[in-house]
């Protein structure tokens, strides 16, 4: 019987290296590539990089303020401001009525009653006569309260205080009394002096053209 040549057996060990299926192998962990590392954030208590200090805020004119000598104390004016003078022509008999009308106009225009002082050179205003009948103390207490129009006579002008508006009714009295009352009234009028009477008599009393 003829011999059949045996096929050469290839042992498994003789086979070359076998590739391991990709699915059966574990991929190696990628290693970080060396490179610049981000700066670590600054934490509380850990000194970080110093930041430049912002420039100090300067004055609008960019001029450093230096201490200078103390400012001198305010000096009081040597003389009070001259009030505006308004003349209302009237006879001696009608001066008091003209003064009353002037007061009504002042109040209607918004002036507070306590801003107005009325002075008569002759007979007292009826309100003053009535209030003085209760005594001088309550009478002048109303003046000091300063919450209403106050009426007084030329003889007591020196006791009256200053008010924004002073109205003078030249309703009698001598030229000397009228002149003194007008001068004192001008000194007590902070803003406006209204004089009701004969213009010639008033001009002569003030020794100036009012």
C-alpha atoms as a PDB file:
ATOM      1  CA  UNK A   1       0.000   0.000   0.000  1.00  0.00           C
ATOM      2  CA  UNK A   2       1.587   3.257  -0.889  1.00  0.00           C
ATOM      3  CA  UNK A   3       2.462   5.503   1.910  1.00  0.00           C
ATOM      4  CA  UNK A   4       0.734   8.866   2.044  1.00  0.00           C
ATOM      5  CA  UNK A   5       3.114  11.458   3.135  1.00  0.00           C
ATOM      6  CA  UNK A   6       1.991  12.952   6.339  1.00  0.00           C
ATOM      7  CA  UNK A   7       1.197  16.559   6.344  1.00  0.00           C
ATOM      8  CA  UNK A   8       3.581  18.394   8.420  1.00  0.00           C
ATOM      9  CA  UNK A   9       1.992  19.304  11.687  1.00  0.00           C
ATOM     10  CA  UNK A  10       2.451  22.793  12.744  1.00  0.00           C
ATOM     11  CA  UNK A  11       2.568  23.066  16.447  1.00  0.00           C
ATOM     12  CA  UNK A  12       0.968  25.970  18.013  1.00  0.00           C
ATOM     13  CA  UNK A  13       4.136  26.876  19.736  1.00  0.00           C
ATOM     14  CA  UNK A  14       5.824  27.229  16.459  1.00  0.00           C
ATOM     15  CA  UNK A  15       3.453  29.877  15.320  1.00  0.00           C
ATOM     16  CA  UNK A  16       4.673  33.389  15.556  1.00  0.00           C
ATOM     17  CA  UNK A  17       3.479  35.804  18.054  1.00  0.00           C
ATOM     18  CA  UNK A  18      -0.224  36.117  17.898  1.00  0.00           C
ATOM     19  CA  UNK A  19      -1.826  39.453  18.118  1.00  0.00           C
ATOM     20  CA  UNK A  20      -4.041  39.877  21.062  1.00  0.00           C
ATOM     21  CA  UNK A  21      -7.400  41.170  20.060  1.00  0.00           C
ATOM     22  CA  UNK A  22      -7.694  44.839  20.776  1.00  0.00           C
ATOM     23  CA  UNK A  23     -10.783  44.195  22.764  1.00  0.00           C
ATOM     24  CA  UNK A  24      -8.909  41.999  25.163  1.00  0.00           C
ATOM     25  CA  UNK A  25      -6.145  44.491  25.978  1.00  0.00           C
ATOM     26  CA  UNK A  26      -6.234  47.416  28.327  1.00  0.00           C
ATOM     27  CA  UNK A  27      -5.185  50.694  26.760  1.00  0.00           C
ATOM     28  CA  UNK A  28      -2.311  52.264  28.631  1.00  0.00           C
ATOM     29  CA  UNK A  29      -3.178  55.405  30.601  1.00  0.00           C
ATOM     30  CA  UNK A  30      -1.961  58.461  28.714  1.00  0.00           C
ATOM     31  CA  UNK A  31       0.656  60.356  30.592  1.00  0.00           C
ATOM     32  CA  UNK A  32       0.501  64.120  30.723  1.00  0.00           C
ATOM     33  CA  UNK A  33       2.731  65.911  28.372  1.00  0.00           C
ATOM     34  CA  UNK A  34       5.128  68.208  30.186  1.00  0.00           C
ATOM     35  CA  UNK A  35       4.291  71.816  29.606  1.00  0.00           C
ATOM     36  CA  UNK A  36       3.645  75.152  31.394  1.00  0.00           C
ATOM     37  CA  UNK A  37       1.525  74.700  34.465  1.00  0.00           C
ATOM     38  CA  UNK A  38      -1.158  77.252  35.385  1.00  0.00           C
ATOM     39  CA  UNK A  39      -0.341  79.463  38.327  1.00  0.00           C
ATOM     40  CA  UNK A  40      -1.875  78.260  41.538  1.00  0.00           C
ATOM     41  CA  UNK A  41      -4.728  80.482  42.757  1.00  0.00           C
ATOM     42  CA  UNK A  42      -3.974  82.580  45.763  1.00  0.00           C
ATOM     43  CA  UNK A  43      -5.624  81.300  48.883  1.00  0.00           C
ATOM     44  CA  UNK A  44      -6.321  83.126  52.135  1.00  0.00           C
ATOM     45  CA  UNK A  45      -3.216  83.245  54.209  1.00  0.00           C
ATOM     46  CA  UNK A  46      -1.026  82.416  51.283  1.00  0.00           C
ATOM     47  CA  UNK A  47       0.997  85.248  49.871  1.00  0.00           C
ATOM     48  CA  UNK A  48       0.298  85.730  46.220  1.00  0.00           C
ATOM     49  CA  UNK A  49       1.810  88.012  43.655  1.00  0.00           C
ATOM     50  CA  UNK A  50       1.768  91.630  44.740  1.00  0.00           C
ATOM     51  CA  UNK A  51      -0.707  93.781  42.822  1.00  0.00           C
ATOM     52  CA  UNK A  52       0.271  97.310  41.931  1.00  0.00           C
ATOM     53  CA  UNK A  53      -1.245  99.836  44.325  1.00  0.00           C
ATOM     54  CA  UNK A  54      -3.758 102.098  42.524  1.00  0.00           C
ATOM     55  CA  UNK A  55      -2.728 105.738  42.417  1.00  0.00           C
ATOM     56  CA  UNK A  56      -4.193 107.913  45.143  1.00  0.00           C
ATOM     57  CA  UNK A  57      -7.142 110.002  44.082  1.00  0.00           C
ATOM     58  CA  UNK A  58      -6.139 113.588  43.574  1.00  0.00           C
ATOM     59  CA  UNK A  59      -8.074 116.754  43.796  1.00  0.00           C
ATOM     60  CA  UNK A  60     -10.012 117.925  40.690  1.00  0.00           C
ATOM     61  CA  UNK A  61      -7.202 120.329  39.862  1.00  0.00           C
ATOM     62  CA  UNK A  62      -4.629 117.550  40.467  1.00  0.00           C
ATOM     63  CA  UNK A  63      -2.927 119.678  43.074  1.00  0.00           C
ATOM     64  CA  UNK A  64      -1.857 118.248  46.380  1.00  0.00           C
ATOM     65  CA  UNK A  65      -3.648 119.883  49.272  1.00  0.00           C
ATOM     66  CA  UNK A  66      -1.238 121.231  51.815  1.00  0.00           C
ATOM     67  CA  UNK A  67      -2.248 122.435  55.244  1.00  0.00           C
ATOM     68  CA  UNK A  68      -2.194 126.161  55.378  1.00  0.00           C
ATOM     69  CA  UNK A  69      -2.682 128.758  58.051  1.00  0.00           C
ATOM     70  CA  UNK A  70      -6.121 128.775  59.701  1.00  0.00           C
ATOM     71  CA  UNK A  71      -8.685 130.983  58.002  1.00  0.00           C
ATOM     72  CA  UNK A  72      -9.338 134.233  59.804  1.00  0.00           C
ATOM     73  CA  UNK A  73     -12.551 134.498  61.732  1.00  0.00           C
ATOM     74  CA  UNK A  74     -15.456 136.064  59.904  1.00  0.00           C
ATOM     75  CA  UNK A  75     -15.588 139.763  60.535  1.00  0.00           C
ATOM     76  CA  UNK A  76     -19.000 141.199  61.257  1.00  0.00           C
ATOM     77  CA  UNK A  77     -19.999 144.029  58.935  1.00  0.00           C
ATOM     78  CA  UNK A  78     -19.302 147.413  60.379  1.00  0.00           C
ATOM     79  CA  UNK A  79     -22.786 148.629  59.520  1.00  0.00           C
ATOM     80  CA  UNK A  80     -26.071 146.868  58.797  1.00  0.00           C
ATOM     81  CA  UNK A  81     -27.279 146.691  55.243  1.00  0.00           C
ATOM     82  CA  UNK A  82     -29.384 149.665  54.225  1.00  0.00           C
ATOM     83  CA  UNK A  83     -33.013 148.628  53.789  1.00  0.00           C
ATOM     84  CA  UNK A  84     -35.088 149.566  50.788  1.00  0.00           C
ATOM     85  CA  UNK A  85     -37.152 152.679  51.534  1.00  0.00           C
ATOM     86  CA  UNK A  86     -40.660 153.149  50.182  1.00  0.00           C
ATOM     87  CA  UNK A  87     -42.623 156.369  50.659  1.00  0.00           C
ATOM     88  CA  UNK A  88     -46.422 156.450  50.647  1.00  0.00           C
ATOM     89  CA  UNK A  89     -47.702 160.054  50.508  1.00  0.00           C
ATOM     90  CA  UNK A  90     -50.420 160.726  53.065  1.00  0.00           C
ATOM     91  CA  UNK A  91     -51.599 163.493  55.329  1.00  0.00           C
ATOM     92  CA  UNK A  92     -50.999 163.323  59.050  1.00  0.00           C
ATOM     93  CA  UNK A  93     -54.655 162.369  59.510  1.00  0.00           C
ATOM     94  CA  UNK A  94     -54.491 159.630  56.863  1.00  0.00           C
ATOM     95  CA  UNK A  95     -51.022 158.271  57.649  1.00  0.00           C
ATOM     96  CA  UNK A  96     -52.307 155.588  60.012  1.00  0.00           C
ATOM     97  CA  UNK A  97     -54.862 154.352  57.479  1.00  0.00           C
ATOM     98  CA  UNK A  98     -52.150 154.265  54.798  1.00  0.00           C
ATOM     99  CA  UNK A  99     -49.943 152.242  57.134  1.00  0.00           C
ATOM    100  CA  UNK A 100     -52.794 149.773  57.734  1.00  0.00           C
ATOM    101  CA  UNK A 101     -53.261 149.345  53.996  1.00  0.00           C
ATOM    102  CA  UNK A 102     -49.523 148.763  53.583  1.00  0.00           C
ATOM    103  CA  UNK A 103     -49.621 146.055  56.260  1.00  0.00           C
ATOM    104  CA  UNK A 104     -52.584 144.370  54.551  1.00  0.00           C
ATOM    105  CA  UNK A 105     -50.700 144.342  51.230  1.00  0.00           C
ATOM    106  CA  UNK A 106     -47.627 142.862  52.903  1.00  0.00           C
ATOM    107  CA  UNK A 107     -49.626 140.054  54.478  1.00  0.00           C
ATOM    108  CA  UNK A 108     -51.503 139.386  51.235  1.00  0.00           C
ATOM    109  CA  UNK A 109     -48.185 139.112  49.385  1.00  0.00           C
ATOM    110  CA  UNK A 110     -47.026 136.357  51.735  1.00  0.00           C
ATOM    111  CA  UNK A 111     -45.226 138.214  54.493  1.00  0.00           C
ATOM    112  CA  UNK A 112     -45.556 136.573  57.893  1.00  0.00           C
ATOM    113  CA  UNK A 113     -47.294 138.761  60.496  1.00  0.00           C
ATOM    114  CA  UNK A 114     -44.283 138.440  62.769  1.00  0.00           C
ATOM    115  CA  UNK A 115     -42.102 140.097  60.108  1.00  0.00           C
ATOM    116  CA  UNK A 116     -43.823 143.469  60.467  1.00  0.00           C
ATOM    117  CA  UNK A 117     -43.332 146.264  63.012  1.00  0.00           C
ATOM    118  CA  UNK A 118     -45.532 149.381  62.872  1.00  0.00           C
ATOM    119  CA  UNK A 119     -44.424 152.647  64.485  1.00  0.00           C
ATOM    120  CA  UNK A 120     -46.557 155.760  64.964  1.00  0.00           C
ATOM    121  CA  UNK A 121     -45.052 159.195  65.603  1.00  0.00           C
ATOM    122  CA  UNK A 122     -48.263 160.688  66.983  1.00  0.00           C
ATOM    123  CA  UNK A 123     -51.239 158.955  68.502  1.00  0.00           C
ATOM    124  CA  UNK A 124     -50.798 155.257  69.259  1.00  0.00           C
ATOM    125  CA  UNK A 125     -52.440 152.617  67.140  1.00  0.00           C
ATOM    126  CA  UNK A 126     -55.724 151.428  68.743  1.00  0.00           C
ATOM    127  CA  UNK A 127     -54.285 147.913  69.150  1.00  0.00           C
ATOM    128  CA  UNK A 128     -51.315 149.236  71.144  1.00  0.00           C
ATOM    129  CA  UNK A 129     -53.595 151.337  73.330  1.00  0.00           C
ATOM    130  CA  UNK A 130     -55.794 148.329  74.051  1.00  0.00           C
ATOM    131  CA  UNK A 131     -52.913 145.946  74.838  1.00  0.00           C
ATOM    132  CA  UNK A 132     -51.120 148.458  77.053  1.00  0.00           C
ATOM    133  CA  UNK A 133     -54.259 148.683  79.199  1.00  0.00           C
ATOM    134  CA  UNK A 134     -53.335 145.188  80.498  1.00  0.00           C
ATOM    135  CA  UNK A 135     -49.832 146.288  81.455  1.00  0.00           C
ATOM    136  CA  UNK A 136     -46.490 146.670  79.737  1.00  0.00           C
ATOM    137  CA  UNK A 137     -45.261 143.182  80.623  1.00  0.00           C
ATOM    138  CA  UNK A 138     -47.869 141.265  78.586  1.00  0.00           C
ATOM    139  CA  UNK A 139     -47.680 143.931  75.886  1.00  0.00           C
ATOM    140  CA  UNK A 140     -43.934 143.484  75.318  1.00  0.00           C
ATOM    141  CA  UNK A 141     -44.254 139.735  75.724  1.00  0.00           C
ATOM    142  CA  UNK A 142     -46.215 139.755  72.485  1.00  0.00           C
ATOM    143  CA  UNK A 143     -43.379 141.671  70.857  1.00  0.00           C
ATOM    144  CA  UNK A 144     -40.842 139.106  72.041  1.00  0.00           C
ATOM    145  CA  UNK A 145     -43.029 136.225  70.827  1.00  0.00           C
ATOM    146  CA  UNK A 146     -42.714 137.623  67.297  1.00  0.00           C
ATOM    147  CA  UNK A 147     -45.714 135.797  65.894  1.00  0.00           C
ATOM    148  CA  UNK A 148     -47.901 138.784  64.973  1.00  0.00           C
ATOM    149  CA  UNK A 149     -47.752 142.375  63.733  1.00  0.00           C
ATOM    150  CA  UNK A 150     -46.567 144.586  66.562  1.00  0.00           C
ATOM    151  CA  UNK A 151     -47.600 148.240  66.992  1.00  0.00           C
ATOM    152  CA  UNK A 152     -45.691 150.709  69.107  1.00  0.00           C
ATOM    153  CA  UNK A 153     -45.139 154.449  69.452  1.00  0.00           C
ATOM    154  CA  UNK A 154     -42.121 156.621  68.722  1.00  0.00           C
ATOM    155  CA  UNK A 155     -41.334 156.920  72.442  1.00  0.00           C
ATOM    156  CA  UNK A 156     -40.734 153.144  72.724  1.00  0.00           C
ATOM    157  CA  UNK A 157     -38.957 152.458  69.428  1.00  0.00           C
ATOM    158  CA  UNK A 158     -35.618 151.945  71.164  1.00  0.00           C
ATOM    159  CA  UNK A 159     -37.106 148.977  73.036  1.00  0.00           C
ATOM    160  CA  UNK A 160     -38.373 147.320  69.864  1.00  0.00           C
ATOM    161  CA  UNK A 161     -36.212 144.777  68.112  1.00  0.00           C
ATOM    162  CA  UNK A 162     -35.350 144.474  64.451  1.00  0.00           C
ATOM    163  CA  UNK A 163     -37.803 142.961  61.976  1.00  0.00           C
ATOM    164  CA  UNK A 164     -37.650 142.398  58.214  1.00  0.00           C
ATOM    165  CA  UNK A 165     -40.224 145.142  57.518  1.00  0.00           C
ATOM    166  CA  UNK A 166     -40.869 148.330  59.481  1.00  0.00           C
ATOM    167  CA  UNK A 167     -43.815 150.595  58.669  1.00  0.00           C
ATOM    168  CA  UNK A 168     -43.810 154.160  60.017  1.00  0.00           C
ATOM    169  CA  UNK A 169     -46.965 156.273  60.169  1.00  0.00           C
ATOM    170  CA  UNK A 170     -46.014 159.927  60.523  1.00  0.00           C
ATOM    171  CA  UNK A 171     -49.376 160.820  62.055  1.00  0.00           C
ATOM    172  CA  UNK A 172     -48.283 163.701  64.241  1.00  0.00           C
ATOM    173  CA  UNK A 173     -45.640 164.680  66.728  1.00  0.00           C
ATOM    174  CA  UNK A 174     -42.907 167.233  66.385  1.00  0.00           C
ATOM    175  CA  UNK A 175     -40.314 167.246  63.647  1.00  0.00           C
ATOM    176  CA  UNK A 176     -37.691 166.101  66.160  1.00  0.00           C
ATOM    177  CA  UNK A 177     -39.824 163.166  67.276  1.00  0.00           C
ATOM    178  CA  UNK A 178     -40.489 162.164  63.665  1.00  0.00           C
ATOM    179  CA  UNK A 179     -36.806 162.439  62.714  1.00  0.00           C
ATOM    180  CA  UNK A 180     -35.713 160.308  65.686  1.00  0.00           C
ATOM    181  CA  UNK A 181     -38.403 157.710  65.003  1.00  0.00           C
ATOM    182  CA  UNK A 182     -37.445 157.487  61.329  1.00  0.00           C
ATOM    183  CA  UNK A 183     -33.750 157.035  62.093  1.00  0.00           C
ATOM    184  CA  UNK A 184     -34.463 154.294  64.636  1.00  0.00           C
ATOM    185  CA  UNK A 185     -36.944 152.648  62.270  1.00  0.00           C
ATOM    186  CA  UNK A 186     -34.353 152.541  59.505  1.00  0.00           C
ATOM    187  CA  UNK A 187     -31.893 150.840  61.860  1.00  0.00           C
ATOM    188  CA  UNK A 188     -34.483 148.173  62.737  1.00  0.00           C
ATOM    189  CA  UNK A 189     -35.696 147.421  59.203  1.00  0.00           C
ATOM    190  CA  UNK A 190     -33.736 144.467  57.901  1.00  0.00           C
ATOM    191  CA  UNK A 191     -35.149 144.535  54.359  1.00  0.00           C
ATOM    192  CA  UNK A 192     -37.842 147.169  53.826  1.00  0.00           C
ATOM    193  CA  UNK A 193     -38.810 150.502  55.417  1.00  0.00           C
ATOM    194  CA  UNK A 194     -42.210 151.935  54.478  1.00  0.00           C
ATOM    195  CA  UNK A 195     -42.951 155.521  55.533  1.00  0.00           C
ATOM    196  CA  UNK A 196     -46.488 156.911  55.306  1.00  0.00           C
ATOM    197  CA  UNK A 197     -46.888 160.672  55.628  1.00  0.00           C
ATOM    198  CA  UNK A 198     -46.230 164.060  54.119  1.00  0.00           C
ATOM    199  CA  UNK A 199     -43.208 163.728  51.776  1.00  0.00           C
ATOM    200  CA  UNK A 200     -41.944 167.234  52.573  1.00  0.00           C
ATOM    201  CA  UNK A 201     -42.103 166.566  56.312  1.00  0.00           C
ATOM    202  CA  UNK A 202     -40.411 163.193  55.891  1.00  0.00           C
ATOM    203  CA  UNK A 203     -37.633 164.625  53.744  1.00  0.00           C
ATOM    204  CA  UNK A 204     -37.038 167.387  56.247  1.00  0.00           C
ATOM    205  CA  UNK A 205     -37.033 164.887  59.131  1.00  0.00           C
ATOM    206  CA  UNK A 206     -34.505 162.607  57.468  1.00  0.00           C
ATOM    207  CA  UNK A 207     -32.454 165.523  56.147  1.00  0.00           C
ATOM    208  CA  UNK A 208     -32.226 163.540  52.887  1.00  0.00           C
ATOM    209  CA  UNK A 209     -34.393 162.905  49.897  1.00  0.00           C
ATOM    210  CA  UNK A 210     -36.224 159.687  50.679  1.00  0.00           C
END
